PDB file of N, CA and C in Angstrom:
ATOM      1  N   UNK A   1      54.327  27.335  19.737  1.00  0.00           N
ATOM      2  CA  UNK A   1      54.774  28.144  18.601  1.00  0.00           C
ATOM      3  C   UNK A   1      55.658  29.280  19.188  1.00  0.00           C
ATOM      4  N   UNK A   2      56.901  29.387  18.687  1.00  0.00           N
ATOM      5  CA  UNK A   2      57.722  30.466  18.988  1.00  0.00           C
ATOM      6  C   UNK A   2      57.151  31.802  18.564  1.00  0.00           C
ATOM      7  N   UNK A   3      57.938  32.948  19.060  1.00  0.00           N
ATOM      8  CA  UNK A   3      57.519  34.205  18.692  1.00  0.00           C
ATOM      9  C   UNK A   3      57.662  34.520  17.188  1.00  0.00           C
ATOM     10  N   UNK A   4      58.738  33.904  16.534  1.00  0.00           N
ATOM     11  CA  UNK A   4      58.862  34.066  15.245  1.00  0.00           C
ATOM     12  C   UNK A   4      57.911  33.388  14.278  1.00  0.00           C
ATOM     13  N   UNK A   5      57.611  32.045  14.747  1.00  0.00           N
ATOM     14  CA  UNK A   5      56.509  31.436  14.107  1.00  0.00           C
ATOM     15  C   UNK A   5      55.141  31.989  14.240  1.00  0.00           C
ATOM     16  N   UNK A   6      54.817  32.717  15.419  1.00  0.00           N
ATOM     17  CA  UNK A   6      53.624  33.392  15.601  1.00  0.00           C
ATOM     18  C   UNK A   6      53.603  34.549  14.675  1.00  0.00           C
ATOM     19  N   UNK A   7      54.563  35.270  14.568  1.00  0.00           N
ATOM     20  CA  UNK A   7      54.718  36.414  13.694  1.00  0.00           C
ATOM     21  C   UNK A   7      54.614  36.003  12.165  1.00  0.00           C
ATOM     22  N   UNK A   8      55.199  34.922  11.823  1.00  0.00           N
ATOM     23  CA  UNK A   8      54.972  34.510  10.381  1.00  0.00           C
ATOM     24  C   UNK A   8      53.515  34.043  10.133  1.00  0.00           C
ATOM     25  N   UNK A   9      52.931  33.483  11.071  1.00  0.00           N
ATOM     26  CA  UNK A   9      51.470  33.056  10.936  1.00  0.00           C
ATOM     27  C   UNK A   9      50.663  34.189  10.748  1.00  0.00           C
ATOM     28  N   UNK A  10      50.927  35.188  11.720  1.00  0.00           N
ATOM     29  CA  UNK A  10      50.098  36.389  11.656  1.00  0.00           C
ATOM     30  C   UNK A  10      50.221  37.203  10.213  1.00  0.00           C
ATOM     31  N   UNK A  11      51.515  37.248   9.858  1.00  0.00           N
ATOM     32  CA  UNK A  11      51.693  37.843   8.449  1.00  0.00           C
ATOM     33  C   UNK A  11      51.039  37.144   7.390  1.00  0.00           C
ATOM     34  N   UNK A  12      51.024  35.698   7.467  1.00  0.00           N
ATOM     35  CA  UNK A  12      50.404  34.901   6.446  1.00  0.00           C
ATOM     36  C   UNK A  12      48.943  35.172   6.480  1.00  0.00           C
ATOM     37  N   UNK A  13      48.270  35.267   7.656  1.00  0.00           N
ATOM     38  CA  UNK A  13      46.921  35.494   7.762  1.00  0.00           C
ATOM     39  C   UNK A  13      46.494  36.830   7.269  1.00  0.00           C
ATOM     40  N   UNK A  14      47.366  37.895   7.619  1.00  0.00           N
ATOM     41  CA  UNK A  14      47.178  39.182   7.154  1.00  0.00           C
ATOM     42  C   UNK A  14      47.159  39.299   5.619  1.00  0.00           C
ATOM     43  N   UNK A  15      48.052  38.582   4.977  1.00  0.00           N
ATOM     44  CA  UNK A  15      48.009  38.462   3.515  1.00  0.00           C
ATOM     45  C   UNK A  15      46.741  37.805   2.888  1.00  0.00           C
ATOM     46  N   UNK A  16      46.255  36.862   3.637  1.00  0.00           N
ATOM     47  CA  UNK A  16      45.039  36.194   3.289  1.00  0.00           C
ATOM     48  C   UNK A  16      43.825  37.018   3.344  1.00  0.00           C
ATOM     49  N   UNK A  17      43.917  38.045   4.321  1.00  0.00           N
ATOM     50  CA  UNK A  17      42.826  38.960   4.564  1.00  0.00           C
ATOM     51  C   UNK A  17      42.622  39.986   3.273  1.00  0.00           C
ATOM     52  N   UNK A  18      43.724  39.946   2.526  1.00  0.00           N
ATOM     53  CA  UNK A  18      43.640  40.965   1.300  1.00  0.00           C
ATOM     54  C   UNK A  18      42.646  40.390   0.302  1.00  0.00           C
ATOM     55  N   UNK A  19      41.621  41.126   0.010  1.00  0.00           N
ATOM     56  CA  UNK A  19      40.643  40.682  -0.893  1.00  0.00           C
ATOM     57  C   UNK A  19      40.424  41.565  -2.072  1.00  0.00           C
ATOM     58  N   UNK A  20      39.533  41.430  -2.863  1.00  0.00           N
ATOM     59  CA  UNK A  20      39.314  42.295  -3.969  1.00  0.00           C
ATOM     60  C   UNK A  20      38.385  43.440  -3.631  1.00  0.00           C
ATOM     61  N   UNK A  21      37.989  43.482  -2.390  1.00  0.00           N
ATOM     62  CA  UNK A  21      37.059  44.617  -1.958  1.00  0.00           C
ATOM     63  C   UNK A  21      37.568  45.189  -0.655  1.00  0.00           C
ATOM     64  N   UNK A  22      37.689  46.485  -0.687  1.00  0.00           N
ATOM     65  CA  UNK A  22      38.223  47.232   0.553  1.00  0.00           C
ATOM     66  C   UNK A  22      37.451  47.006   1.755  1.00  0.00           C
ATOM     67  N   UNK A  23      36.152  46.854   1.595  1.00  0.00           N
ATOM     68  CA  UNK A  23      35.294  46.598   2.774  1.00  0.00           C
ATOM     69  C   UNK A  23      35.661  45.336   3.447  1.00  0.00           C
ATOM     70  N   UNK A  24      35.818  44.342   2.564  1.00  0.00           N
ATOM     71  CA  UNK A  24      36.118  43.031   3.186  1.00  0.00           C
ATOM     72  C   UNK A  24      37.566  43.078   3.738  1.00  0.00           C
ATOM     73  N   UNK A  25      38.542  43.738   3.224  1.00  0.00           N
ATOM     74  CA  UNK A  25      39.832  43.972   3.734  1.00  0.00           C
ATOM     75  C   UNK A  25      39.811  44.460   5.187  1.00  0.00           C
ATOM     76  N   UNK A  26      38.995  45.597   5.252  1.00  0.00           N
ATOM     77  CA  UNK A  26      39.006  46.224   6.535  1.00  0.00           C
ATOM     78  C   UNK A  26      38.360  45.318   7.652  1.00  0.00           C
ATOM     79  N   UNK A  27      37.198  44.684   7.307  1.00  0.00           N
ATOM     80  CA  UNK A  27      36.624  43.820   8.348  1.00  0.00           C
ATOM     81  C   UNK A  27      37.487  42.729   8.798  1.00  0.00           C
ATOM     82  N   UNK A  28      38.173  42.141   7.807  1.00  0.00           N
ATOM     83  CA  UNK A  28      39.044  40.870   8.096  1.00  0.00           C
ATOM     84  C   UNK A  28      40.198  41.294   8.836  1.00  0.00           C
ATOM     85  N   UNK A  29      40.836  42.430   8.529  1.00  0.00           N
ATOM     86  CA  UNK A  29      42.107  42.777   9.114  1.00  0.00           C
ATOM     87  C   UNK A  29      41.713  43.348  10.612  1.00  0.00           C
ATOM     88  N   UNK A  30      40.575  43.985  10.787  1.00  0.00           N
ATOM     89  CA  UNK A  30      40.237  44.320  12.117  1.00  0.00           C
ATOM     90  C   UNK A  30      40.023  43.200  12.983  1.00  0.00           C
ATOM     91  N   UNK A  31      39.296  42.183  12.536  1.00  0.00           N
ATOM     92  CA  UNK A  31      39.225  41.052  13.353  1.00  0.00           C
ATOM     93  C   UNK A  31      40.544  40.412  13.656  1.00  0.00           C
ATOM     94  N   UNK A  32      41.416  40.290  12.687  1.00  0.00           N
ATOM     95  CA  UNK A  32      42.682  39.784  12.924  1.00  0.00           C
ATOM     96  C   UNK A  32      43.548  40.456  13.952  1.00  0.00           C
ATOM     97  N   UNK A  33      43.522  41.734  13.951  1.00  0.00           N
ATOM     98  CA  UNK A  33      44.189  42.569  14.829  1.00  0.00           C
ATOM     99  C   UNK A  33      43.719  42.663  16.188  1.00  0.00           C
ATOM    100  N   UNK A  34      42.353  42.563  16.246  1.00  0.00           N
ATOM    101  CA  UNK A  34      41.809  42.973  17.543  1.00  0.00           C
ATOM    102  C   UNK A  34      41.120  41.719  18.257  1.00  0.00           C
ATOM    103  N   UNK A  35      40.817  40.649  17.487  1.00  0.00           N
ATOM    104  CA  UNK A  35      40.064  39.584  18.091  1.00  0.00           C
ATOM    105  C   UNK A  35      40.881  38.185  17.962  1.00  0.00           C
ATOM    106  N   UNK A  36      41.525  38.095  16.936  1.00  0.00           N
ATOM    107  CA  UNK A  36      42.169  36.655  16.669  1.00  0.00           C
ATOM    108  C   UNK A  36      43.136  36.152  17.805  1.00  0.00           C
ATOM    109  N   UNK A  37      43.948  36.927  18.288  1.00  0.00           N
ATOM    110  CA  UNK A  37      44.842  36.584  19.315  1.00  0.00           C
ATOM    111  C   UNK A  37      44.133  36.049  20.549  1.00  0.00           C
ATOM    112  N   UNK A  38      42.952  36.556  20.959  1.00  0.00           N
ATOM    113  CA  UNK A  38      42.276  36.166  22.138  1.00  0.00           C
ATOM    114  C   UNK A  38      41.237  34.992  21.805  1.00  0.00           C
ATOM    115  N   UNK A  39      41.028  34.667  20.527  1.00  0.00           N
ATOM    116  CA  UNK A  39      39.912  33.707  20.077  1.00  0.00           C
ATOM    117  C   UNK A  39      40.431  32.347  20.444  1.00  0.00           C
ATOM    118  N   UNK A  40      39.412  31.418  20.644  1.00  0.00           N
ATOM    119  CA  UNK A  40      39.640  30.076  20.891  1.00  0.00           C
ATOM    120  C   UNK A  40      40.264  29.362  19.626  1.00  0.00           C
ATOM    121  N   UNK A  41      40.916  28.186  19.789  1.00  0.00           N
ATOM    122  CA  UNK A  41      41.356  27.488  18.577  1.00  0.00           C
ATOM    123  C   UNK A  41      40.279  27.173  17.648  1.00  0.00           C
ATOM    124  N   UNK A  42      39.129  26.914  18.088  1.00  0.00           N
ATOM    125  CA  UNK A  42      37.973  26.610  17.375  1.00  0.00           C
ATOM    126  C   UNK A  42      37.606  27.951  16.454  1.00  0.00           C
ATOM    127  N   UNK A  43      37.434  28.970  17.140  1.00  0.00           N
ATOM    128  CA  UNK A  43      37.255  30.197  16.389  1.00  0.00           C
ATOM    129  C   UNK A  43      38.326  30.660  15.422  1.00  0.00           C
ATOM    130  N   UNK A  44      39.480  30.463  15.668  1.00  0.00           N
ATOM    131  CA  UNK A  44      40.573  30.697  14.826  1.00  0.00           C
ATOM    132  C   UNK A  44      40.445  29.891  13.638  1.00  0.00           C
ATOM    133  N   UNK A  45      40.085  28.728  13.876  1.00  0.00           N
ATOM    134  CA  UNK A  45      40.008  27.687  12.659  1.00  0.00           C
ATOM    135  C   UNK A  45      38.824  28.127  11.754  1.00  0.00           C
ATOM    136  N   UNK A  46      37.729  28.605  12.381  1.00  0.00           N
ATOM    137  CA  UNK A  46      36.536  29.045  11.619  1.00  0.00           C
ATOM    138  C   UNK A  46      36.898  30.398  10.875  1.00  0.00           C
ATOM    139  N   UNK A  47      37.661  31.225  11.422  1.00  0.00           N
ATOM    140  CA  UNK A  47      38.126  32.429  10.766  1.00  0.00           C
ATOM    141  C   UNK A  47      38.997  31.886   9.499  1.00  0.00           C
ATOM    142  N   UNK A  48      39.861  31.112   9.647  1.00  0.00           N
ATOM    143  CA  UNK A  48      40.677  30.601   8.581  1.00  0.00           C
ATOM    144  C   UNK A  48      39.842  29.956   7.424  1.00  0.00           C
ATOM    145  N   UNK A  49      38.791  29.176   7.889  1.00  0.00           N
ATOM    146  CA  UNK A  49      37.901  28.666   6.837  1.00  0.00           C
ATOM    147  C   UNK A  49      37.169  29.650   6.095  1.00  0.00           C
ATOM    148  N   UNK A  50      36.777  30.800   6.803  1.00  0.00           N
ATOM    149  CA  UNK A  50      36.255  31.913   6.063  1.00  0.00           C
ATOM    150  C   UNK A  50      37.108  32.591   5.090  1.00  0.00           C
ATOM    151  N   UNK A  51      38.400  32.642   5.304  1.00  0.00           N
ATOM    152  CA  UNK A  51      39.373  33.245   4.412  1.00  0.00           C
ATOM    153  C   UNK A  51      39.593  32.446   3.065  1.00  0.00           C
ATOM    154  N   UNK A  52      38.994  31.095   3.294  1.00  0.00           N
ATOM    155  CA  UNK A  52      39.161  30.154   2.060  1.00  0.00           C
ATOM    156  C   UNK A  52      37.999  30.425   1.068  1.00  0.00           C
ATOM    157  N   UNK A  53      36.936  31.177   1.528  1.00  0.00           N
ATOM    158  CA  UNK A  53      35.781  31.429   0.645  1.00  0.00           C
ATOM    159  C   UNK A  53      36.163  32.345  -0.428  1.00  0.00           C
ATOM    160  N   UNK A  54      35.232  32.393  -1.481  1.00  0.00           N
ATOM    161  CA  UNK A  54      35.342  33.403  -2.433  1.00  0.00           C
ATOM    162  C   UNK A  54      34.695  34.607  -1.983  1.00  0.00           C
ATOM    163  N   UNK A  55      35.149  35.663  -2.534  1.00  0.00           N
ATOM    164  CA  UNK A  55      34.586  37.076  -2.091  1.00  0.00           C
ATOM    165  C   UNK A  55      33.092  37.172  -2.076  1.00  0.00           C
ATOM    166  N   UNK A  56      32.329  36.702  -3.268  1.00  0.00           N
ATOM    167  CA  UNK A  56      30.878  36.820  -3.282  1.00  0.00           C
ATOM    168  C   UNK A  56      30.262  36.149  -2.100  1.00  0.00           C
ATOM    169  N   UNK A  57      30.796  34.938  -1.747  1.00  0.00           N
ATOM    170  CA  UNK A  57      30.200  34.207  -0.728  1.00  0.00           C
ATOM    171  C   UNK A  57      30.318  34.899   0.583  1.00  0.00           C
ATOM    172  N   UNK A  58      31.551  35.205   0.835  1.00  0.00           N
ATOM    173  CA  UNK A  58      31.988  35.929   2.053  1.00  0.00           C
ATOM    174  C   UNK A  58      31.124  37.228   2.308  1.00  0.00           C
ATOM    175  N   UNK A  59      31.062  37.972   1.164  1.00  0.00           N
ATOM    176  CA  UNK A  59      30.366  39.211   1.125  1.00  0.00           C
ATOM    177  C   UNK A  59      28.875  38.906   1.626  1.00  0.00           C
ATOM    178  N   UNK A  60      28.361  37.957   0.992  1.00  0.00           N
ATOM    179  CA  UNK A  60      26.937  37.501   1.272  1.00  0.00           C
ATOM    180  C   UNK A  60      26.808  37.190   2.722  1.00  0.00           C
ATOM    181  N   UNK A  61      27.628  36.546   3.419  1.00  0.00           N
ATOM    182  CA  UNK A  61      27.606  36.289   4.860  1.00  0.00           C
ATOM    183  C   UNK A  61      27.765  37.543   5.642  1.00  0.00           C
ATOM    184  N   UNK A  62      28.617  38.569   5.238  1.00  0.00           N
ATOM    185  CA  UNK A  62      28.808  39.649   6.026  1.00  0.00           C
ATOM    186  C   UNK A  62      27.730  40.645   5.809  1.00  0.00           C
ATOM    187  N   UNK A  63      26.992  40.751   4.783  1.00  0.00           N
ATOM    188  CA  UNK A  63      25.937  41.754   4.661  1.00  0.00           C
ATOM    189  C   UNK A  63      24.584  41.151   5.014  1.00  0.00           C
ATOM    190  N   UNK A  64      24.526  39.817   5.503  1.00  0.00           N
ATOM    191  CA  UNK A  64      23.326  39.196   5.933  1.00  0.00           C
ATOM    192  C   UNK A  64      22.563  38.665   4.746  1.00  0.00           C
ATOM    193  N   UNK A  65      23.064  38.561   3.546  1.00  0.00           N
ATOM    194  CA  UNK A  65      22.245  37.887   2.462  1.00  0.00           C
ATOM    195  C   UNK A  65      22.120  36.484   2.605  1.00  0.00           C
ATOM    196  N   UNK A  66      23.165  35.972   3.019  1.00  0.00           N
ATOM    197  CA  UNK A  66      23.258  34.401   3.435  1.00  0.00           C
ATOM    198  C   UNK A  66      23.694  34.171   4.779  1.00  0.00           C
ATOM    199  N   UNK A  67      23.558  32.968   5.223  1.00  0.00           N
ATOM    200  CA  UNK A  67      23.893  32.475   6.576  1.00  0.00           C
ATOM    201  C   UNK A  67      24.849  31.330   6.328  1.00  0.00           C
ATOM    202  N   UNK A  68      26.095  31.466   7.048  1.00  0.00           N
ATOM    203  CA  UNK A  68      27.058  30.427   6.946  1.00  0.00           C
ATOM    204  C   UNK A  68      26.325  29.028   7.496  1.00  0.00           C
ATOM    205  N   UNK A  69      26.682  27.829   6.860  1.00  0.00           N
ATOM    206  CA  UNK A  69      26.115  26.693   7.300  1.00  0.00           C
ATOM    207  C   UNK A  69      26.487  26.134   8.688  1.00  0.00           C
ATOM    208  N   UNK A  70      27.628  26.510   9.127  1.00  0.00           N
ATOM    209  CA  UNK A  70      28.195  25.996  10.363  1.00  0.00           C
ATOM    210  C   UNK A  70      28.007  27.132  11.523  1.00  0.00           C
ATOM    211  N   UNK A  71      27.683  26.656  12.707  1.00  0.00           N
ATOM    212  CA  UNK A  71      27.610  27.496  13.910  1.00  0.00           C
ATOM    213  C   UNK A  71      28.863  28.322  14.133  1.00  0.00           C
ATOM    214  N   UNK A  72      30.095  27.669  13.988  1.00  0.00           N
ATOM    215  CA  UNK A  72      31.353  28.381  14.225  1.00  0.00           C
ATOM    216  C   UNK A  72      31.563  29.390  13.310  1.00  0.00           C
ATOM    217  N   UNK A  73      31.194  29.204  11.952  1.00  0.00           N
ATOM    218  CA  UNK A  73      31.376  30.263  10.987  1.00  0.00           C
ATOM    219  C   UNK A  73      30.267  31.472  11.342  1.00  0.00           C
ATOM    220  N   UNK A  74      29.183  31.117  11.801  1.00  0.00           N
ATOM    221  CA  UNK A  74      28.132  32.077  12.228  1.00  0.00           C
ATOM    222  C   UNK A  74      28.592  32.937  13.274  1.00  0.00           C
ATOM    223  N   UNK A  75      29.319  32.400  14.200  1.00  0.00           N
ATOM    224  CA  UNK A  75      29.851  33.111  15.350  1.00  0.00           C
ATOM    225  C   UNK A  75      30.959  34.163  14.831  1.00  0.00           C
ATOM    226  N   UNK A  76      31.808  33.701  13.981  1.00  0.00           N
ATOM    227  CA  UNK A  76      32.937  34.580  13.544  1.00  0.00           C
ATOM    228  C   UNK A  76      32.246  35.678  12.607  1.00  0.00           C
ATOM    229  N   UNK A  77      31.276  35.297  11.730  1.00  0.00           N
ATOM    230  CA  UNK A  77      30.732  36.409  10.984  1.00  0.00           C
ATOM    231  C   UNK A  77      30.011  37.466  11.891  1.00  0.00           C
ATOM    232  N   UNK A  78      29.382  36.844  12.954  1.00  0.00           N
ATOM    233  CA  UNK A  78      28.728  37.893  13.814  1.00  0.00           C
ATOM    234  C   UNK A  78      29.722  38.854  14.438  1.00  0.00           C
ATOM    235  N   UNK A  79      30.905  38.331  14.753  1.00  0.00           N
ATOM    236  CA  UNK A  79      32.079  39.187  15.406  1.00  0.00           C
ATOM    237  C   UNK A  79      32.558  40.169  14.385  1.00  0.00           C
ATOM    238  N   UNK A  80      32.598  39.618  13.152  1.00  0.00           N
ATOM    239  CA  UNK A  80      33.189  40.562  11.941  1.00  0.00           C
ATOM    240  C   UNK A  80      32.088  41.650  11.783  1.00  0.00           C
ATOM    241  N   UNK A  81      30.881  41.344  11.923  1.00  0.00           N
ATOM    242  CA  UNK A  81      29.839  42.470  11.511  1.00  0.00           C
ATOM    243  C   UNK A  81      29.614  43.455  12.681  1.00  0.00           C
ATOM    244  N   UNK A  82      30.053  43.108  13.928  1.00  0.00           N
ATOM    245  CA  UNK A  82      29.780  44.056  15.051  1.00  0.00           C
ATOM    246  C   UNK A  82      30.478  45.390  14.886  1.00  0.00           C
ATOM    247  N   UNK A  83      30.032  46.313  15.476  1.00  0.00           N
ATOM    248  CA  UNK A  83      30.615  47.811  15.368  1.00  0.00           C
ATOM    249  C   UNK A  83      31.946  47.711  16.106  1.00  0.00           C
ATOM    250  N   UNK A  84      32.933  48.380  15.634  1.00  0.00           N
ATOM    251  CA  UNK A  84      34.273  48.413  16.259  1.00  0.00           C
ATOM    252  C   UNK A  84      34.195  49.175  17.492  1.00  0.00           C
ATOM    253  N   UNK A  85      34.959  48.690  18.483  1.00  0.00           N
ATOM    254  CA  UNK A  85      34.990  49.323  19.798  1.00  0.00           C
ATOM    255  C   UNK A  85      35.289  50.717  19.863  1.00  0.00           C
TER     256      UNK A  85
END
């Protein structure tokens, strides 16, 4: 992937991080900016699957009311829930 392609992909993901809830926006964008680049391809794919979820389901995972069905999603949710460095 060229630098321009990577920049477009990052912009596309940043747009997908925009949700109906400010709290979700902040958690998703923080992960994108601080963790996504160093994540494995598998973790990146899991993050992108999370972005496909509806806000109520995603919020349920992030506040611990529900547990994602897949281990990969569980790992990304755990990273999203951690305290910022």
